[in-house]
Amino acid sequence: MSAAPDVDLQRRPGRPRSPQCDSAILRAVVDLLVEGGYESVTMEGVAARAGVGKATVYRRWPSKSTLVVDAIRAFCREHGAQPAPDTGNVRDDLLLCVRGVVSTYQRSEAGRVLPGLVNELHRNAELAEAFRGGFLEERRAVVREIVRRGIDRGELRPDLDVDLVLDAIAAFVQHRLLLTGMPIDHDLPERVVDLLWRGVAAGR
């Protein structure tokens, strides 16, 4: 597919950027990641796949790493990830978060893209910095808010190592996805939270 003319060049100063254009670019990145991994993603290839001019991509994202991280963030938000829920019960909030993670990983695109991206972090310092600061910290902040709220309400132990709780929640699912290859069952979120709850609930 040949790149479409860069319509952004004809815009008046201050005109808002097109959400449809952003969406097409981010979707193109995910498609390329699925097809060939991180190495297959180029700014030129993304522009061609999205049907926009190369300059359009570069104006929005200064580097490939930031573009890829934003594409993963958008995909996860669309397929399970959400802002910190507040049901009034910290156990239910944690369960919703784990369900969101599982829902994301169960999608074929995420199951194929995320393992390869994690492997790439060890070889690419720029990507690692963008991924940890732009995607991972955003997701950790959601669970951190839930855990701290649970401590303030007296539902969770006041002496909790909050970062360790965050690691434990993510590790359950990621270990299966990246290492064991065991199925991510529909009831895995409940089993994960039940196991974790024995160690974090107040009064235990």
N, C-alpha and C. Protein backbone atom coordinates (compact mmCIF):
# COMPACT_ATOMS: atom_id res chain seq x y z
N MET A 1 0.85 -1.19 0.00
CA MET A 1 0.00 0.00 0.00
C MET A 1 0.88 1.23 0.00
N SER A 2 0.59 2.19 -0.86
CA SER A 2 1.37 3.41 -0.89
C SER A 2 0.85 4.39 0.13
N ALA A 3 1.74 5.20 0.67
CA ALA A 3 1.35 6.15 1.70
C ALA A 3 0.43 7.21 1.10
N ALA A 4 -0.59 7.57 1.86
CA ALA A 4 -1.51 8.61 1.42
C ALA A 4 -0.86 9.97 1.59
N PRO A 5 -1.31 10.99 0.83
CA PRO A 5 -0.77 12.33 1.00
C PRO A 5 -0.93 12.77 2.44
N ASP A 6 0.02 13.52 2.93
CA ASP A 6 0.01 13.97 4.31
C ASP A 6 -0.96 15.13 4.46
N VAL A 7 -2.20 14.80 4.79
CA VAL A 7 -3.22 15.83 4.88
C VAL A 7 -2.95 16.79 6.02
N ASP A 8 -2.15 16.35 7.02
CA ASP A 8 -1.85 17.23 8.14
C ASP A 8 -1.13 18.49 7.69
N LEU A 9 -0.39 18.42 6.58
CA LEU A 9 0.36 19.56 6.11
C LEU A 9 -0.57 20.70 5.69
N GLN A 10 -1.83 20.36 5.35
CA GLN A 10 -2.77 21.36 4.89
C GLN A 10 -3.60 21.94 6.03
N ARG A 11 -3.37 21.47 7.25
CA ARG A 11 -4.18 21.93 8.36
C ARG A 11 -3.77 23.32 8.80
N ARG A 12 -4.74 24.06 9.32
CA ARG A 12 -4.44 25.37 9.89
C ARG A 12 -3.74 25.18 11.22
N PRO A 13 -2.87 26.11 11.62
CA PRO A 13 -2.20 26.01 12.93
C PRO A 13 -3.21 25.90 14.05
N GLY A 14 -2.96 25.00 14.97
CA GLY A 14 -3.82 24.84 16.12
C GLY A 14 -4.98 23.88 15.91
N ARG A 15 -5.15 23.39 14.73
CA ARG A 15 -6.25 22.45 14.49
C ARG A 15 -5.97 21.13 15.20
N PRO A 16 -6.97 20.59 15.92
CA PRO A 16 -6.73 19.36 16.67
C PRO A 16 -6.37 18.20 15.74
N ARG A 17 -5.52 17.31 16.24
CA ARG A 17 -5.16 16.15 15.45
C ARG A 17 -6.32 15.17 15.39
N SER A 18 -6.35 14.36 14.38
CA SER A 18 -7.47 13.48 14.12
C SER A 18 -7.39 12.21 14.96
N PRO A 19 -8.42 11.93 15.80
CA PRO A 19 -8.43 10.68 16.55
C PRO A 19 -8.45 9.46 15.62
N GLN A 20 -9.13 9.59 14.48
CA GLN A 20 -9.18 8.48 13.53
C GLN A 20 -7.79 8.17 12.98
N CYS A 21 -7.03 9.21 12.74
CA CYS A 21 -5.67 9.02 12.24
C CYS A 21 -4.80 8.36 13.31
N ASP A 22 -4.91 8.83 14.54
CA ASP A 22 -4.15 8.23 15.65
C ASP A 22 -4.49 6.75 15.79
N SER A 23 -5.79 6.44 15.74
CA SER A 23 -6.23 5.07 15.89
C SER A 23 -5.70 4.18 14.79
N ALA A 24 -5.70 4.69 13.56
CA ALA A 24 -5.19 3.90 12.43
C ALA A 24 -3.70 3.62 12.58
N ILE A 25 -2.96 4.61 13.06
CA ILE A 25 -1.53 4.43 13.25
C ILE A 25 -1.25 3.40 14.34
N LEU A 26 -1.94 3.52 15.47
CA LEU A 26 -1.71 2.60 16.58
C LEU A 26 -2.13 1.18 16.22
N ARG A 27 -3.21 1.05 15.47
CA ARG A 27 -3.65 -0.28 15.02
C ARG A 27 -2.63 -0.88 14.07
N ALA A 28 -2.05 -0.06 13.23
CA ALA A 28 -1.03 -0.54 12.29
C ALA A 28 0.18 -1.08 13.04
N VAL A 29 0.55 -0.41 14.12
CA VAL A 29 1.69 -0.88 14.92
C VAL A 29 1.41 -2.26 15.49
N VAL A 30 0.24 -2.44 16.07
CA VAL A 30 -0.11 -3.74 16.65
C VAL A 30 -0.10 -4.83 15.58
N ASP A 31 -0.65 -4.53 14.41
CA ASP A 31 -0.66 -5.52 13.33
C ASP A 31 0.76 -5.91 12.93
N LEU A 32 1.65 -4.94 12.84
CA LEU A 32 3.03 -5.24 12.47
C LEU A 32 3.75 -6.02 13.56
N LEU A 33 3.46 -5.71 14.82
CA LEU A 33 4.06 -6.47 15.92
C LEU A 33 3.61 -7.93 15.87
N VAL A 34 2.33 -8.15 15.60
CA VAL A 34 1.82 -9.51 15.51
C VAL A 34 2.49 -10.26 14.36
N GLU A 35 2.67 -9.59 13.24
CA GLU A 35 3.19 -10.26 12.05
C GLU A 35 4.69 -10.55 12.13
N GLY A 36 5.45 -9.63 12.73
CA GLY A 36 6.90 -9.83 12.69
C GLY A 36 7.68 -9.40 13.91
N GLY A 37 6.99 -9.01 14.98
CA GLY A 37 7.70 -8.60 16.17
C GLY A 37 8.22 -7.18 16.09
N TYR A 38 8.96 -6.79 17.11
CA TYR A 38 9.42 -5.40 17.22
C TYR A 38 10.28 -4.98 16.04
N GLU A 39 11.11 -5.87 15.56
CA GLU A 39 12.02 -5.51 14.47
C GLU A 39 11.27 -5.18 13.18
N SER A 40 10.06 -5.71 13.05
CA SER A 40 9.30 -5.47 11.81
C SER A 40 8.64 -4.10 11.78
N VAL A 41 8.64 -3.41 12.90
CA VAL A 41 7.98 -2.11 12.97
C VAL A 41 8.96 -1.02 12.55
N THR A 42 8.60 -0.27 11.51
CA THR A 42 9.35 0.92 11.10
C THR A 42 8.36 2.06 10.96
N MET A 43 8.84 3.26 11.11
CA MET A 43 7.95 4.41 10.98
C MET A 43 7.35 4.46 9.57
N GLU A 44 8.18 4.11 8.57
CA GLU A 44 7.70 4.09 7.19
C GLU A 44 6.64 3.02 6.99
N GLY A 45 6.89 1.83 7.57
CA GLY A 45 5.93 0.74 7.44
C GLY A 45 4.62 1.05 8.12
N VAL A 46 4.69 1.68 9.28
CA VAL A 46 3.47 2.06 10.00
C VAL A 46 2.67 3.06 9.18
N ALA A 47 3.35 4.06 8.62
CA ALA A 47 2.66 5.07 7.82
C ALA A 47 1.96 4.43 6.63
N ALA A 48 2.65 3.51 5.95
CA ALA A 48 2.05 2.85 4.80
C ALA A 48 0.85 2.02 5.20
N ARG A 49 0.98 1.28 6.29
CA ARG A 49 -0.13 0.41 6.75
C ARG A 49 -1.33 1.25 7.18
N ALA A 50 -1.06 2.40 7.81
CA ALA A 50 -2.15 3.24 8.30
C ALA A 50 -2.74 4.13 7.22
N GLY A 51 -2.05 4.23 6.08
CA GLY A 51 -2.54 5.07 5.00
C GLY A 51 -2.34 6.56 5.24
N VAL A 52 -1.25 6.91 5.92
CA VAL A 52 -0.96 8.32 6.19
C VAL A 52 0.46 8.62 5.71
N GLY A 53 0.80 9.89 5.70
CA GLY A 53 2.15 10.27 5.35
C GLY A 53 3.12 9.99 6.48
N LYS A 54 4.36 9.72 6.14
CA LYS A 54 5.38 9.43 7.16
C LYS A 54 5.55 10.60 8.13
N ALA A 55 5.44 11.82 7.61
CA ALA A 55 5.58 13.00 8.47
C ALA A 55 4.51 13.04 9.54
N THR A 56 3.33 12.51 9.22
CA THR A 56 2.24 12.48 10.19
C THR A 56 2.62 11.64 11.40
N VAL A 57 3.25 10.52 11.15
CA VAL A 57 3.68 9.65 12.24
C VAL A 57 4.76 10.32 13.07
N TYR A 58 5.74 10.90 12.39
CA TYR A 58 6.85 11.51 13.11
C TYR A 58 6.41 12.72 13.93
N ARG A 59 5.40 13.45 13.48
CA ARG A 59 4.93 14.59 14.26
C ARG A 59 4.28 14.16 15.56
N ARG A 60 3.67 12.99 15.55
CA ARG A 60 2.96 12.51 16.73
C ARG A 60 3.89 11.75 17.69
N TRP A 61 4.80 10.99 17.12
CA TRP A 61 5.69 10.17 17.93
C TRP A 61 7.13 10.39 17.48
N PRO A 62 7.99 10.85 18.37
CA PRO A 62 9.36 11.18 17.98
C PRO A 62 10.25 9.97 17.74
N SER A 63 9.82 8.80 18.23
CA SER A 63 10.66 7.62 18.09
C SER A 63 9.80 6.37 17.97
N LYS A 64 10.41 5.34 17.44
CA LYS A 64 9.73 4.06 17.31
C LYS A 64 9.33 3.49 18.66
N SER A 65 10.19 3.62 19.66
CA SER A 65 9.91 3.03 20.96
C SER A 65 8.67 3.67 21.61
N THR A 66 8.56 4.99 21.55
CA THR A 66 7.39 5.64 22.14
C THR A 66 6.13 5.29 21.37
N LEU A 67 6.24 5.14 20.07
CA LEU A 67 5.09 4.75 19.26
C LEU A 67 4.62 3.34 19.62
N VAL A 68 5.54 2.42 19.75
CA VAL A 68 5.17 1.04 20.09
C VAL A 68 4.53 0.98 21.48
N VAL A 69 5.10 1.69 22.43
CA VAL A 69 4.54 1.67 23.79
C VAL A 69 3.14 2.27 23.80
N ASP A 70 2.93 3.35 23.09
CA ASP A 70 1.58 3.94 23.03
C ASP A 70 0.60 3.00 22.36
N ALA A 71 1.05 2.25 21.37
CA ALA A 71 0.17 1.29 20.71
C ALA A 71 -0.24 0.18 21.67
N ILE A 72 0.70 -0.30 22.47
CA ILE A 72 0.39 -1.34 23.45
C ILE A 72 -0.55 -0.80 24.51
N ARG A 73 -0.31 0.41 24.96
CA ARG A 73 -1.19 1.03 25.96
C ARG A 73 -2.61 1.14 25.42
N ALA A 74 -2.75 1.61 24.19
CA ALA A 74 -4.08 1.77 23.60
C ALA A 74 -4.77 0.43 23.44
N PHE A 75 -4.01 -0.59 23.02
CA PHE A 75 -4.59 -1.91 22.84
C PHE A 75 -5.10 -2.46 24.18
N CYS A 76 -4.28 -2.33 25.22
CA CYS A 76 -4.66 -2.87 26.52
C CYS A 76 -5.85 -2.13 27.11
N ARG A 77 -5.91 -0.81 26.90
CA ARG A 77 -7.07 -0.07 27.38
C ARG A 77 -8.35 -0.51 26.68
N GLU A 78 -8.22 -0.84 25.41
CA GLU A 78 -9.39 -1.26 24.64
C GLU A 78 -9.84 -2.66 25.02
N HIS A 79 -8.91 -3.49 25.47
CA HIS A 79 -9.23 -4.90 25.70
C HIS A 79 -8.96 -5.36 27.13
N GLY A 80 -9.41 -4.58 28.10
CA GLY A 80 -9.37 -5.08 29.46
C GLY A 80 -8.80 -4.14 30.50
N ALA A 81 -7.72 -3.43 30.19
CA ALA A 81 -7.13 -2.54 31.17
C ALA A 81 -8.07 -1.36 31.42
N GLN A 82 -8.08 -0.85 32.66
CA GLN A 82 -8.99 0.22 33.02
C GLN A 82 -8.40 1.04 34.14
N PRO A 83 -8.96 2.26 34.36
CA PRO A 83 -8.53 3.03 35.53
C PRO A 83 -8.85 2.27 36.81
N ALA A 84 -8.27 2.70 37.90
CA ALA A 84 -8.46 2.00 39.17
C ALA A 84 -9.93 1.95 39.56
N PRO A 85 -10.53 0.75 39.63
CA PRO A 85 -11.93 0.66 40.03
C PRO A 85 -12.08 0.96 41.51
N ASP A 86 -13.24 1.40 41.92
CA ASP A 86 -13.52 1.65 43.34
C ASP A 86 -14.93 1.17 43.64
N THR A 87 -15.03 -0.13 43.92
CA THR A 87 -16.33 -0.73 44.22
C THR A 87 -16.73 -0.54 45.67
N GLY A 88 -15.79 -0.05 46.49
CA GLY A 88 -16.03 0.03 47.92
C GLY A 88 -15.48 -1.18 48.66
N ASN A 89 -14.95 -2.14 47.90
CA ASN A 89 -14.39 -3.36 48.49
C ASN A 89 -13.07 -3.65 47.78
N VAL A 90 -11.96 -3.62 48.52
CA VAL A 90 -10.66 -3.73 47.87
C VAL A 90 -10.46 -5.09 47.22
N ARG A 91 -11.05 -6.14 47.78
CA ARG A 91 -10.91 -7.46 47.15
C ARG A 91 -11.56 -7.47 45.78
N ASP A 92 -12.75 -6.89 45.67
CA ASP A 92 -13.42 -6.82 44.37
C ASP A 92 -12.64 -5.94 43.40
N ASP A 93 -12.02 -4.87 43.90
CA ASP A 93 -11.22 -4.01 43.03
C ASP A 93 -10.02 -4.78 42.47
N LEU A 94 -9.34 -5.54 43.32
CA LEU A 94 -8.20 -6.33 42.87
C LEU A 94 -8.64 -7.38 41.85
N LEU A 95 -9.80 -7.97 42.10
CA LEU A 95 -10.31 -8.99 41.18
C LEU A 95 -10.59 -8.39 39.81
N LEU A 96 -11.15 -7.20 39.77
CA LEU A 96 -11.41 -6.54 38.49
C LEU A 96 -10.10 -6.25 37.75
N CYS A 97 -9.07 -5.87 38.49
CA CYS A 97 -7.78 -5.60 37.86
C CYS A 97 -7.18 -6.86 37.26
N VAL A 98 -7.20 -7.96 38.01
CA VAL A 98 -6.63 -9.20 37.51
C VAL A 98 -7.44 -9.70 36.32
N ARG A 99 -8.75 -9.56 36.38
CA ARG A 99 -9.57 -9.94 35.24
C ARG A 99 -9.20 -9.13 34.00
N GLY A 100 -8.90 -7.84 34.19
CA GLY A 100 -8.50 -7.02 33.07
C GLY A 100 -7.20 -7.50 32.45
N VAL A 101 -6.23 -7.88 33.29
CA VAL A 101 -4.96 -8.40 32.79
C VAL A 101 -5.17 -9.69 32.02
N VAL A 102 -5.94 -10.60 32.60
CA VAL A 102 -6.21 -11.88 31.95
C VAL A 102 -6.94 -11.68 30.64
N SER A 103 -7.93 -10.77 30.63
CA SER A 103 -8.68 -10.50 29.40
C SER A 103 -7.76 -10.01 28.29
N THR A 104 -6.80 -9.17 28.66
CA THR A 104 -5.85 -8.66 27.67
C THR A 104 -4.98 -9.78 27.13
N TYR A 105 -4.42 -10.59 28.02
CA TYR A 105 -3.51 -11.66 27.59
C TYR A 105 -4.23 -12.75 26.80
N GLN A 106 -5.52 -12.92 27.05
CA GLN A 106 -6.24 -13.97 26.34
C GLN A 106 -6.51 -13.62 24.89
N ARG A 107 -6.40 -12.36 24.55
CA ARG A 107 -6.56 -11.97 23.15
C ARG A 107 -5.34 -12.42 22.38
N SER A 108 -5.57 -12.94 21.20
CA SER A 108 -4.47 -13.53 20.44
C SER A 108 -3.36 -12.53 20.15
N GLU A 109 -3.71 -11.27 19.87
CA GLU A 109 -2.69 -10.28 19.57
C GLU A 109 -1.76 -10.07 20.75
N ALA A 110 -2.33 -9.89 21.94
CA ALA A 110 -1.51 -9.66 23.12
C ALA A 110 -0.67 -10.88 23.46
N GLY A 111 -1.26 -12.06 23.33
CA GLY A 111 -0.53 -13.27 23.63
C GLY A 111 0.68 -13.47 22.74
N ARG A 112 0.63 -12.92 21.53
CA ARG A 112 1.76 -13.05 20.61
C ARG A 112 2.73 -11.88 20.72
N VAL A 113 2.22 -10.70 21.03
CA VAL A 113 3.06 -9.50 21.02
C VAL A 113 3.84 -9.31 22.32
N LEU A 114 3.17 -9.43 23.45
CA LEU A 114 3.79 -9.08 24.72
C LEU A 114 5.01 -9.93 25.08
N PRO A 115 4.99 -11.25 24.89
CA PRO A 115 6.21 -12.02 25.21
C PRO A 115 7.42 -11.56 24.41
N GLY A 116 7.24 -11.32 23.13
CA GLY A 116 8.35 -10.86 22.31
C GLY A 116 8.82 -9.49 22.71
N LEU A 117 7.90 -8.64 23.12
CA LEU A 117 8.27 -7.29 23.53
C LEU A 117 9.07 -7.32 24.82
N VAL A 118 8.68 -8.19 25.75
CA VAL A 118 9.42 -8.33 27.00
C VAL A 118 10.84 -8.79 26.73
N ASN A 119 11.01 -9.73 25.81
CA ASN A 119 12.35 -10.19 25.45
C ASN A 119 13.18 -9.06 24.85
N GLU A 120 12.54 -8.20 24.09
CA GLU A 120 13.24 -7.10 23.44
C GLU A 120 13.76 -6.07 24.45
N LEU A 121 13.12 -5.98 25.62
CA LEU A 121 13.53 -5.01 26.62
C LEU A 121 14.97 -5.22 27.06
N HIS A 122 15.43 -6.47 27.05
CA HIS A 122 16.79 -6.76 27.49
C HIS A 122 17.83 -6.32 26.47
N ARG A 123 17.41 -6.09 25.24
CA ARG A 123 18.36 -5.72 24.19
C ARG A 123 18.27 -4.25 23.80
N ASN A 124 17.20 -3.60 24.20
CA ASN A 124 16.94 -2.25 23.72
C ASN A 124 16.65 -1.33 24.90
N ALA A 125 17.65 -0.56 25.30
CA ALA A 125 17.52 0.30 26.48
C ALA A 125 16.48 1.40 26.27
N GLU A 126 16.40 1.92 25.06
CA GLU A 126 15.42 2.99 24.78
C GLU A 126 14.00 2.45 24.91
N LEU A 127 13.75 1.28 24.35
CA LEU A 127 12.43 0.67 24.47
C LEU A 127 12.12 0.34 25.92
N ALA A 128 13.11 -0.19 26.65
CA ALA A 128 12.89 -0.55 28.05
C ALA A 128 12.48 0.66 28.87
N GLU A 129 13.15 1.77 28.64
CA GLU A 129 12.81 3.00 29.38
C GLU A 129 11.41 3.47 29.04
N ALA A 130 11.06 3.45 27.76
CA ALA A 130 9.72 3.89 27.35
C ALA A 130 8.65 2.95 27.86
N PHE A 131 8.91 1.65 27.83
CA PHE A 131 7.93 0.65 28.27
C PHE A 131 7.69 0.75 29.77
N ARG A 132 8.78 0.85 30.53
CA ARG A 132 8.64 0.89 31.99
C ARG A 132 8.02 2.19 32.47
N GLY A 133 8.41 3.29 31.83
CA GLY A 133 7.89 4.57 32.25
C GLY A 133 6.52 4.90 31.69
N GLY A 134 6.25 4.43 30.49
CA GLY A 134 5.00 4.80 29.83
C GLY A 134 3.88 3.81 29.98
N PHE A 135 4.21 2.52 30.01
CA PHE A 135 3.17 1.49 30.09
C PHE A 135 3.13 0.82 31.46
N LEU A 136 4.27 0.26 31.87
CA LEU A 136 4.29 -0.53 33.09
C LEU A 136 3.94 0.31 34.31
N GLU A 137 4.52 1.49 34.41
CA GLU A 137 4.24 2.33 35.58
C GLU A 137 2.78 2.77 35.61
N GLU A 138 2.19 2.97 34.46
CA GLU A 138 0.78 3.32 34.41
C GLU A 138 -0.08 2.21 35.00
N ARG A 139 0.22 0.96 34.62
CA ARG A 139 -0.55 -0.16 35.13
C ARG A 139 -0.28 -0.40 36.62
N ARG A 140 0.97 -0.22 37.04
CA ARG A 140 1.29 -0.39 38.45
C ARG A 140 0.61 0.69 39.30
N ALA A 141 0.49 1.89 38.75
CA ALA A 141 -0.14 2.97 39.49
C ALA A 141 -1.61 2.65 39.79
N VAL A 142 -2.26 1.94 38.87
CA VAL A 142 -3.66 1.56 39.08
C VAL A 142 -3.77 0.64 40.30
N VAL A 143 -2.94 -0.40 40.35
CA VAL A 143 -3.01 -1.35 41.47
C VAL A 143 -2.50 -0.69 42.75
N ARG A 144 -1.49 0.16 42.62
CA ARG A 144 -0.96 0.86 43.81
C ARG A 144 -2.04 1.69 44.48
N GLU A 145 -2.85 2.36 43.67
CA GLU A 145 -3.95 3.17 44.21
C GLU A 145 -4.94 2.29 44.96
N ILE A 146 -5.26 1.13 44.39
CA ILE A 146 -6.21 0.22 45.04
C ILE A 146 -5.66 -0.29 46.37
N VAL A 147 -4.39 -0.70 46.36
CA VAL A 147 -3.79 -1.25 47.58
C VAL A 147 -3.70 -0.19 48.67
N ARG A 148 -3.25 1.00 48.32
CA ARG A 148 -3.15 2.05 49.34
C ARG A 148 -4.52 2.45 49.88
N ARG A 149 -5.52 2.43 49.03
CA ARG A 149 -6.87 2.73 49.48
C ARG A 149 -7.35 1.64 50.43
N GLY A 150 -7.00 0.39 50.13
CA GLY A 150 -7.38 -0.71 51.02
C GLY A 150 -6.70 -0.60 52.38
N ILE A 151 -5.45 -0.15 52.38
CA ILE A 151 -4.74 0.05 53.66
C ILE A 151 -5.42 1.17 54.45
N ASP A 152 -5.74 2.27 53.79
CA ASP A 152 -6.37 3.40 54.47
C ASP A 152 -7.73 3.02 55.05
N ARG A 153 -8.44 2.13 54.38
CA ARG A 153 -9.76 1.71 54.86
C ARG A 153 -9.67 0.64 55.95
N GLY A 154 -8.49 0.12 56.17
CA GLY A 154 -8.34 -0.95 57.16
C GLY A 154 -8.67 -2.32 56.63
N GLU A 155 -8.82 -2.45 55.31
CA GLU A 155 -9.11 -3.76 54.72
C GLU A 155 -7.84 -4.58 54.50
N LEU A 156 -6.72 -3.89 54.34
CA LEU A 156 -5.45 -4.56 54.11
C LEU A 156 -4.48 -4.25 55.25
N ARG A 157 -3.52 -5.12 55.43
CA ARG A 157 -2.52 -4.95 56.48
C ARG A 157 -1.76 -3.63 56.30
N PRO A 158 -1.56 -2.90 57.38
CA PRO A 158 -0.87 -1.60 57.26
C PRO A 158 0.62 -1.73 56.97
N ASP A 159 1.19 -2.92 57.21
CA ASP A 159 2.64 -3.10 57.01
C ASP A 159 2.97 -3.71 55.65
N LEU A 160 2.05 -3.68 54.72
CA LEU A 160 2.27 -4.32 53.42
C LEU A 160 3.41 -3.65 52.66
N ASP A 161 4.19 -4.47 51.98
CA ASP A 161 5.16 -3.98 50.99
C ASP A 161 4.37 -3.81 49.70
N VAL A 162 3.97 -2.59 49.41
CA VAL A 162 3.04 -2.33 48.30
C VAL A 162 3.63 -2.77 46.97
N ASP A 163 4.90 -2.45 46.71
CA ASP A 163 5.50 -2.83 45.44
C ASP A 163 5.59 -4.34 45.29
N LEU A 164 5.80 -5.05 46.38
CA LEU A 164 5.84 -6.51 46.31
C LEU A 164 4.47 -7.07 45.96
N VAL A 165 3.42 -6.46 46.47
CA VAL A 165 2.06 -6.88 46.12
C VAL A 165 1.83 -6.68 44.62
N LEU A 166 2.29 -5.56 44.09
CA LEU A 166 2.12 -5.29 42.66
C LEU A 166 2.85 -6.33 41.83
N ASP A 167 4.08 -6.67 42.24
CA ASP A 167 4.85 -7.69 41.52
C ASP A 167 4.14 -9.03 41.55
N ALA A 168 3.59 -9.38 42.71
CA ALA A 168 2.95 -10.69 42.86
C ALA A 168 1.73 -10.81 41.96
N ILE A 169 0.94 -9.77 41.87
CA ILE A 169 -0.27 -9.82 41.05
C ILE A 169 0.09 -10.04 39.58
N ALA A 170 1.08 -9.28 39.09
CA ALA A 170 1.46 -9.42 37.69
C ALA A 170 2.15 -10.75 37.42
N ALA A 171 2.94 -11.23 38.38
CA ALA A 171 3.75 -12.43 38.16
C ALA A 171 2.91 -13.67 37.91
N PHE A 172 1.78 -13.79 38.57
CA PHE A 172 0.95 -14.98 38.42
C PHE A 172 0.60 -15.22 36.94
N VAL A 173 0.13 -14.17 36.29
CA VAL A 173 -0.30 -14.31 34.90
C VAL A 173 0.89 -14.38 33.96
N GLN A 174 1.87 -13.49 34.16
CA GLN A 174 3.00 -13.43 33.26
C GLN A 174 3.85 -14.70 33.31
N HIS A 175 3.95 -15.33 34.46
CA HIS A 175 4.71 -16.57 34.57
C HIS A 175 4.09 -17.64 33.67
N ARG A 176 2.79 -17.72 33.68
CA ARG A 176 2.12 -18.70 32.82
C ARG A 176 2.29 -18.35 31.34
N LEU A 177 2.17 -17.09 31.04
CA LEU A 177 2.24 -16.68 29.64
C LEU A 177 3.65 -16.85 29.09
N LEU A 178 4.67 -16.44 29.84
CA LEU A 178 6.02 -16.37 29.32
C LEU A 178 6.85 -17.62 29.55
N LEU A 179 6.53 -18.39 30.60
CA LEU A 179 7.40 -19.50 30.98
C LEU A 179 6.74 -20.86 30.91
N THR A 180 5.68 -21.07 31.68
CA THR A 180 5.14 -22.43 31.78
C THR A 180 4.29 -22.83 30.59
N GLY A 181 3.63 -21.85 29.95
CA GLY A 181 2.73 -22.19 28.86
C GLY A 181 1.43 -22.82 29.31
N MET A 182 1.20 -22.88 30.63
CA MET A 182 -0.05 -23.44 31.14
C MET A 182 -1.22 -22.54 30.74
N PRO A 183 -2.41 -23.11 30.64
CA PRO A 183 -3.56 -22.31 30.20
C PRO A 183 -3.91 -21.22 31.20
N ILE A 184 -4.39 -20.12 30.67
CA ILE A 184 -4.91 -19.04 31.52
C ILE A 184 -6.41 -19.26 31.61
N ASP A 185 -6.84 -19.99 32.63
CA ASP A 185 -8.22 -20.40 32.76
C ASP A 185 -9.13 -19.23 33.12
N HIS A 186 -10.42 -19.42 32.87
CA HIS A 186 -11.38 -18.35 33.13
C HIS A 186 -11.47 -17.99 34.60
N ASP A 187 -11.17 -18.97 35.49
CA ASP A 187 -11.27 -18.70 36.92
C ASP A 187 -9.92 -18.32 37.55
N LEU A 188 -8.91 -18.12 36.72
CA LEU A 188 -7.60 -17.76 37.25
C LEU A 188 -7.64 -16.47 38.07
N PRO A 189 -8.34 -15.42 37.65
CA PRO A 189 -8.37 -14.21 38.48
C PRO A 189 -8.84 -14.47 39.91
N GLU A 190 -9.92 -15.24 40.07
CA GLU A 190 -10.43 -15.54 41.41
C GLU A 190 -9.41 -16.33 42.22
N ARG A 191 -8.75 -17.29 41.59
CA ARG A 191 -7.77 -18.11 42.30
C ARG A 191 -6.55 -17.29 42.71
N VAL A 192 -6.13 -16.38 41.83
CA VAL A 192 -5.00 -15.51 42.15
C VAL A 192 -5.32 -14.61 43.34
N VAL A 193 -6.49 -13.95 43.29
CA VAL A 193 -6.85 -13.04 44.36
C VAL A 193 -7.09 -13.79 45.67
N ASP A 194 -7.70 -14.97 45.61
CA ASP A 194 -7.92 -15.76 46.83
C ASP A 194 -6.60 -16.12 47.49
N LEU A 195 -5.63 -16.54 46.69
CA LEU A 195 -4.32 -16.91 47.24
C LEU A 195 -3.62 -15.68 47.82
N LEU A 196 -3.67 -14.58 47.10
CA LEU A 196 -3.02 -13.37 47.56
C LEU A 196 -3.70 -12.82 48.81
N TRP A 197 -5.00 -12.95 48.85
CA TRP A 197 -5.78 -12.36 49.95
C TRP A 197 -5.37 -12.92 51.31
N ARG A 198 -4.96 -14.16 51.33
CA ARG A 198 -4.56 -14.77 52.61
C ARG A 198 -3.36 -14.06 53.22
N GLY A 199 -2.55 -13.43 52.40
CA GLY A 199 -1.36 -12.75 52.91
C GLY A 199 -1.52 -11.26 53.11
N VAL A 200 -2.52 -10.65 52.48
CA VAL A 200 -2.60 -9.19 52.51
C VAL A 200 -3.76 -8.65 53.34
N ALA A 201 -4.76 -9.47 53.61
CA ALA A 201 -5.96 -8.96 54.30
C ALA A 201 -5.63 -8.59 55.74
N ALA A 202 -6.27 -7.55 56.21
CA ALA A 202 -6.08 -7.11 57.60
C ALA A 202 -6.59 -8.17 58.55
N GLY A 203 -5.96 -8.28 59.72
CA GLY A 203 -6.41 -9.21 60.73
C GLY A 203 -5.89 -10.62 60.56
N ARG A 204 -4.97 -10.84 59.57
CA ARG A 204 -4.43 -12.18 59.34
C ARG A 204 -2.99 -12.23 59.77
